[in-house]
C-alpha atoms as a PDB file:
ATOM      1  CA  MET A   1      -0.056   0.032  -0.115  1.00  0.00           C
ATOM      2  CA  GLU A   2       1.431   3.377  -1.035  1.00  0.00           C
ATOM      3  CA  ASN A   3       0.681   6.488   0.648  1.00  0.00           C
ATOM      4  CA  THR A   4       0.388   9.389  -1.926  1.00  0.00           C
ATOM      5  CA  SER A   5      -0.105  12.269   0.332  1.00  0.00           C
ATOM      6  CA  ALA A   6       1.953  15.407  -0.121  1.00  0.00           C
ATOM      7  CA  PRO A   7       5.057  16.006   1.878  1.00  0.00           C
ATOM      8  CA  PHE A   8       4.679  18.152   5.051  1.00  0.00           C
ATOM      9  CA  THR A   9       5.796  21.818   4.677  1.00  0.00           C
ATOM     10  CA  PRO A  10       5.651  23.699   7.898  1.00  0.00           C
ATOM     11  CA  ASP A  11       4.058  27.168   8.076  1.00  0.00           C
ATOM     12  CA  TRP A  12       6.522  28.932  10.566  1.00  0.00           C
ATOM     13  CA  ASN A  13       3.744  31.628  10.955  1.00  0.00           C
ATOM     14  CA  ASN A  14       1.264  29.129  12.229  1.00  0.00           C
ATOM     15  CA  SER A  15       1.706  28.438  15.992  1.00  0.00           C
ATOM     16  CA  ARG A  16       1.129  24.778  15.641  1.00  0.00           C
ATOM     17  CA  ASP A  17       3.824  24.553  13.170  1.00  0.00           C
ATOM     18  CA  ALA A  18       6.160  26.842  15.143  1.00  0.00           C
ATOM     19  CA  ASN A  19       6.901  23.972  17.584  1.00  0.00           C
ATOM     20  CA  TYR A  20       9.010  22.406  14.751  1.00  0.00           C
ATOM     21  CA  GLN A  21      11.784  25.040  15.397  1.00  0.00           C
ATOM     22  CA  HIS A  22      14.082  22.509  16.746  1.00  0.00           C
ATOM     23  CA  LEU A  23      13.940  20.360  13.538  1.00  0.00           C
ATOM     24  CA  ASP A  24      15.719  21.369  10.393  1.00  0.00           C
ATOM     25  CA  PRO A  25      13.873  20.972   7.008  1.00  0.00           C
ATOM     26  CA  HIS A  26      16.111  17.869   6.390  1.00  0.00           C
ATOM     27  CA  GLN A  27      14.755  16.191   9.499  1.00  0.00           C
ATOM     28  CA  ILE A  28      11.211  17.171   8.819  1.00  0.00           C
ATOM     29  CA  GLU A  29      11.574  15.570   5.288  1.00  0.00           C
ATOM     30  CA  MET A  30      13.000  12.462   6.680  1.00  0.00           C
ATOM     31  CA  ILE A  31      10.247  12.070   9.314  1.00  0.00           C
ATOM     32  CA  ASP A  32       7.517  12.656   6.484  1.00  0.00           C
ATOM     33  CA  GLU A  33       9.236  10.006   4.284  1.00  0.00           C
ATOM     34  CA  ALA A  34       9.210   7.527   7.218  1.00  0.00           C
ATOM     35  CA  LEU A  35       5.528   8.130   7.899  1.00  0.00           C
ATOM     36  CA  ASN A  36       4.676   7.654   4.240  1.00  0.00           C
ATOM     37  CA  SER A  37       6.632   4.272   4.151  1.00  0.00           C
ATOM     38  CA  ILE A  38       5.215   2.524   7.156  1.00  0.00           C
ATOM     39  CA  GLY A  39       1.598   1.761   5.855  1.00  0.00           C
ATOM     40  CA  ASP A  40      -1.616   1.759   7.868  1.00  0.00           C
ATOM     41  CA  TYR A  41      -0.384  -0.063  10.941  1.00  0.00           C
ATOM     42  CA  GLY A  42       3.076   0.952  11.440  1.00  0.00           C
ATOM     43  CA  GLU A  43       4.802   3.261  13.698  1.00  0.00           C
ATOM     44  CA  VAL A  44       7.473   5.997  13.808  1.00  0.00           C
ATOM     45  CA  ARG A  45       9.479   6.647  16.974  1.00  0.00           C
ATOM     46  CA  LEU A  46      11.678   9.677  17.321  1.00  0.00           C
ATOM     47  CA  ILE A  47      14.579   9.300  19.760  1.00  0.00           C
ATOM     48  CA  VAL A  48      15.775  12.458  21.338  1.00  0.00           C
ATOM     49  CA  GLU A  49      19.026  12.720  23.228  1.00  0.00           C
ATOM     50  CA  LYS A  50      20.220  15.788  24.911  1.00  0.00           C
ATOM     51  CA  GLY A  51      17.136  17.801  23.435  1.00  0.00           C
ATOM     52  CA  ARG A  52      18.064  16.982  19.706  1.00  0.00           C
ATOM     53  CA  LEU A  53      16.584  14.309  17.347  1.00  0.00           C
ATOM     54  CA  ARG A  54      19.075  11.506  17.200  1.00  0.00           C
ATOM     55  CA  PHE A  55      17.339   8.500  15.831  1.00  0.00           C
ATOM     56  CA  LEU A  56      14.194   7.797  13.719  1.00  0.00           C
ATOM     57  CA  VAL A  57      12.905   4.100  14.250  1.00  0.00           C
ATOM     58  CA  THR A  58      10.144   2.766  12.056  1.00  0.00           C
ATOM     59  CA  GLN A  59       8.173  -0.400  12.600  1.00  0.00           C
ATOM     60  CA  LYS A  60       5.997  -1.633   9.777  1.00  0.00           C
ATOM     61  CA  SER A  61       2.919  -3.987  10.751  1.00  0.00           C
ATOM     62  CA  PHE A  62       0.493  -5.924   8.798  1.00  0.00           C
ATOM     63  CA  ASP A  63      -3.086  -6.901   9.225  1.00  0.00           C
ATOM     64  CA  VAL A  64      -2.940 -10.670   8.612  1.00  0.00           C
ATOM     65  CA  LEU A  65      -6.800 -10.785   7.979  1.00  0.00           C
ATOM     66  CA  LYS A  66      -6.279  -8.454   5.018  1.00  0.00           C
ATOM     67  CA  ILE A  67      -3.019  -9.370   3.277  1.00  0.00           C
ATOM     68  CA  GLN A  68      -2.007 -12.203   0.903  1.00  0.00           C
ATOM     69  CA  PRO A  69       1.033 -14.392   1.198  1.00  0.00           C
ATOM     70  CA  GLY A  70       3.956 -12.907  -0.480  1.00  0.00           C
ATOM     71  CA  VAL A  71       3.076  -9.255   0.462  1.00  0.00           C
ATOM     72  CA  ILE A  72       5.466  -8.940   3.443  1.00  0.00           C
ATOM     73  CA  PHE A  73       8.482 -10.292   1.553  1.00  0.00           C
ATOM     74  CA  LYS A  74       7.609  -7.943  -1.489  1.00  0.00           C
ATOM     75  CA  ASP A  75       7.449  -4.799   0.822  1.00  0.00           C
ATOM     76  CA  LEU A  76      10.907  -5.478   2.382  1.00  0.00           C
ATOM     77  CA  LYS A  77      12.612  -5.114  -0.964  1.00  0.00           C
END
């Protein structure tokens, strides 16, 4: 399953998006890419060390009632 949503572009004048001041545009783009890659049941975890984003961890999950054999291996390529 492929997510075709547009990449997130923060609006720095919007108070909600102003909270991203500690993330540079490259990091925001990486987070957006990770969110688009995990599918409907995955998760993205952000690991922060000393107040800075250090790691981005993704976990992809599958609903076994909805997928067919061979889908998991194909998605790992």
